[in-house]
Amino acid sequence: MKGHARQFMTTKVVLATPQMTLAEAARELSRLEISGLPVVDERGQVLGIVTESDLLDALLAETPVETRIHVVMTSPVVMVDEFTPADVVARLLRTHRVHHLPVTRQGAVVGIITPQEVIRYFVMHELPVPPEVA
């Protein structure tokens, strides 16, 4: 597959802080209809990521909703630079079995990639146009 991470990342990334509670994270995921929040420090450096799966695990474990997300976030995070080749991005998603891949520029998050973005890009830019049905 041709291209780089920046060509198929979504730039609408909502960031979280480690002090956000499980309740706040759940509200953000629900309100914005997204499935993951990169967790960053005060300098914007990625510390972890909290996903729907992390929140479901916390719910099943009956973790109090006031718990800070740094307790349940996934860390370390698999990340890529915006110029990472597309085939490397796809391989990282599969090899590490992750569904959220933050994209960075000089260490700061500028986008996020999910398998859906990779597939969408592939369909739009790599697959031949299907023949029209007569």
Protein backbone atom coordinates (compact mmCIF):
# COMPACT_ATOMS: atom_id res chain seq x y z
CA MET A 1 0.00 0.00 0.00
CA LYS A 2 1.28 3.46 -0.92
CA GLY A 3 1.17 6.61 1.16
CA HIS A 4 2.03 7.81 4.63
CA ALA A 5 0.24 7.97 7.96
CA ARG A 6 -0.74 11.61 7.51
CA GLN A 7 -2.73 10.77 4.38
CA PHE A 8 -5.27 8.62 6.17
CA MET A 9 -5.22 9.76 9.77
CA THR A 10 -8.13 11.66 11.19
CA THR A 11 -7.11 15.00 12.65
CA LYS A 12 -10.14 15.25 14.91
CA VAL A 13 -8.36 13.90 17.97
CA VAL A 14 -9.65 14.55 21.47
CA LEU A 15 -6.94 14.39 24.10
CA ALA A 16 -7.30 13.44 27.74
CA THR A 17 -5.21 14.13 30.81
CA PRO A 18 -4.21 11.44 33.30
CA GLN A 19 -6.37 13.13 35.95
CA MET A 20 -9.61 12.71 33.96
CA THR A 21 -11.99 10.30 35.67
CA LEU A 22 -13.52 7.18 34.17
CA ALA A 23 -16.90 8.94 34.20
CA GLU A 24 -15.50 11.94 32.29
CA ALA A 25 -13.78 9.69 29.74
CA ALA A 26 -16.96 7.64 29.23
CA ARG A 27 -18.97 10.83 28.70
CA GLU A 28 -16.47 12.12 26.13
CA LEU A 29 -16.39 8.84 24.19
CA SER A 30 -20.17 8.69 24.18
CA ARG A 31 -20.75 12.36 23.36
CA LEU A 32 -18.24 12.46 20.53
CA GLU A 33 -18.95 8.94 19.24
CA ILE A 34 -15.27 8.03 19.28
CA SER A 35 -13.59 4.96 20.71
CA GLY A 36 -10.31 6.17 22.19
CA LEU A 37 -8.59 9.12 23.86
CA PRO A 38 -4.83 9.56 23.81
CA VAL A 39 -3.70 10.58 27.30
CA VAL A 40 -1.08 13.34 27.32
CA ASP A 41 0.95 15.20 29.92
CA GLU A 42 1.10 18.99 30.27
CA ARG A 43 3.71 19.16 27.46
CA GLY A 44 1.48 17.20 25.09
CA GLN A 45 3.60 14.04 25.25
CA VAL A 46 1.65 10.78 25.03
CA LEU A 47 1.51 8.84 28.28
CA GLY A 48 -1.11 6.28 27.31
CA ILE A 49 -4.47 5.76 25.66
CA VAL A 50 -7.86 4.98 27.16
CA THR A 51 -10.24 3.08 24.90
CA GLU A 52 -13.72 1.63 25.01
CA SER A 53 -12.12 -1.70 25.91
CA ASP A 54 -10.31 -0.16 28.87
CA LEU A 55 -13.56 1.36 30.12
CA LEU A 56 -15.47 -1.91 29.65
CA ASP A 57 -12.78 -3.74 31.63
CA ALA A 58 -13.09 -1.12 34.39
CA LEU A 59 -16.89 -1.45 34.41
CA LEU A 60 -16.68 -5.24 34.65
CA ALA A 61 -14.17 -4.94 37.49
CA GLU A 62 -16.57 -2.52 39.19
CA THR A 63 -13.88 0.15 39.32
CA PRO A 64 -15.29 3.34 40.88
CA VAL A 65 -16.21 5.96 38.25
CA GLU A 66 -14.16 8.55 40.16
CA THR A 67 -10.98 6.56 39.38
CA ARG A 68 -8.45 8.53 37.32
CA ILE A 69 -7.91 7.13 33.83
CA HIS A 70 -4.16 6.80 34.31
CA VAL A 71 -5.04 3.75 36.43
CA VAL A 72 -6.76 1.93 33.53
CA MET A 73 -5.14 3.42 30.42
CA THR A 74 -3.01 1.31 28.11
CA SER A 75 0.66 2.24 28.32
CA PRO A 76 3.08 2.31 26.60
CA VAL A 77 1.31 3.31 23.40
CA VAL A 78 2.21 2.17 19.90
CA MET A 79 2.55 5.40 17.90
CA VAL A 80 3.75 6.51 14.50
CA ASP A 81 5.20 9.65 13.01
CA GLU A 82 3.12 11.36 10.33
CA PHE A 83 5.58 10.18 7.65
CA THR A 84 5.47 6.50 8.60
CA PRO A 85 4.80 4.48 5.41
CA ALA A 86 1.26 3.12 5.03
CA ASP A 87 2.33 -0.52 4.94
CA VAL A 88 4.19 -0.08 8.24
CA VAL A 89 1.07 1.48 9.79
CA ALA A 90 -1.10 -1.46 8.69
CA ARG A 91 1.48 -3.92 9.97
CA LEU A 92 1.69 -2.19 13.37
CA LEU A 93 -2.09 -2.26 13.78
CA ARG A 94 -2.10 -6.02 13.16
CA THR A 95 1.14 -6.98 14.91
CA HIS A 96 0.27 -5.14 18.11
CA ARG A 97 -3.47 -5.87 17.79
CA VAL A 98 -4.41 -2.25 18.48
CA HIS A 99 -7.31 -0.26 17.07
CA HIS A 100 -5.98 3.22 17.81
CA LEU A 101 -2.65 4.46 16.53
CA PRO A 102 -1.79 8.03 17.54
CA VAL A 103 0.13 9.97 14.89
CA THR A 104 2.73 12.45 16.09
CA ARG A 105 4.66 15.42 14.75
CA GLN A 106 7.70 16.29 16.84
CA GLY A 107 6.25 14.27 19.71
CA ALA A 108 2.82 15.96 19.76
CA VAL A 109 -0.36 14.15 18.68
CA VAL A 110 -1.68 15.47 15.35
CA GLY A 111 -3.98 12.60 14.38
CA ILE A 112 -5.14 9.10 15.05
CA ILE A 113 -5.52 6.07 12.80
CA THR A 114 -7.94 3.19 13.19
CA PRO A 115 -8.21 0.15 10.91
CA GLN A 116 -11.33 1.76 9.37
CA GLU A 117 -9.28 4.74 8.13
CA VAL A 118 -6.72 2.40 6.55
CA ILE A 119 -9.44 0.40 4.79
CA ARG A 120 -11.25 3.56 3.65
CA TYR A 121 -8.03 4.96 2.19
CA PHE A 122 -7.30 1.66 0.45
CA VAL A 123 -10.76 1.53 -1.12
CA MET A 124 -10.65 5.14 -2.30
CA HIS A 125 -7.06 5.25 -3.55
CA GLU A 126 -5.87 1.73 -4.30
CA LEU A 127 -8.77 -0.38 -5.53
CA PRO A 128 -9.78 -0.10 -9.18
CA VAL A 129 -13.10 1.56 -9.84
CA PRO A 130 -15.71 -1.21 -10.15
CA PRO A 131 -17.34 -1.61 -13.57
CA GLU A 132 -20.77 -0.04 -13.78
CA VAL A 133 -23.72 -2.39 -13.81
CA ALA A 134 -25.71 -2.11 -17.04
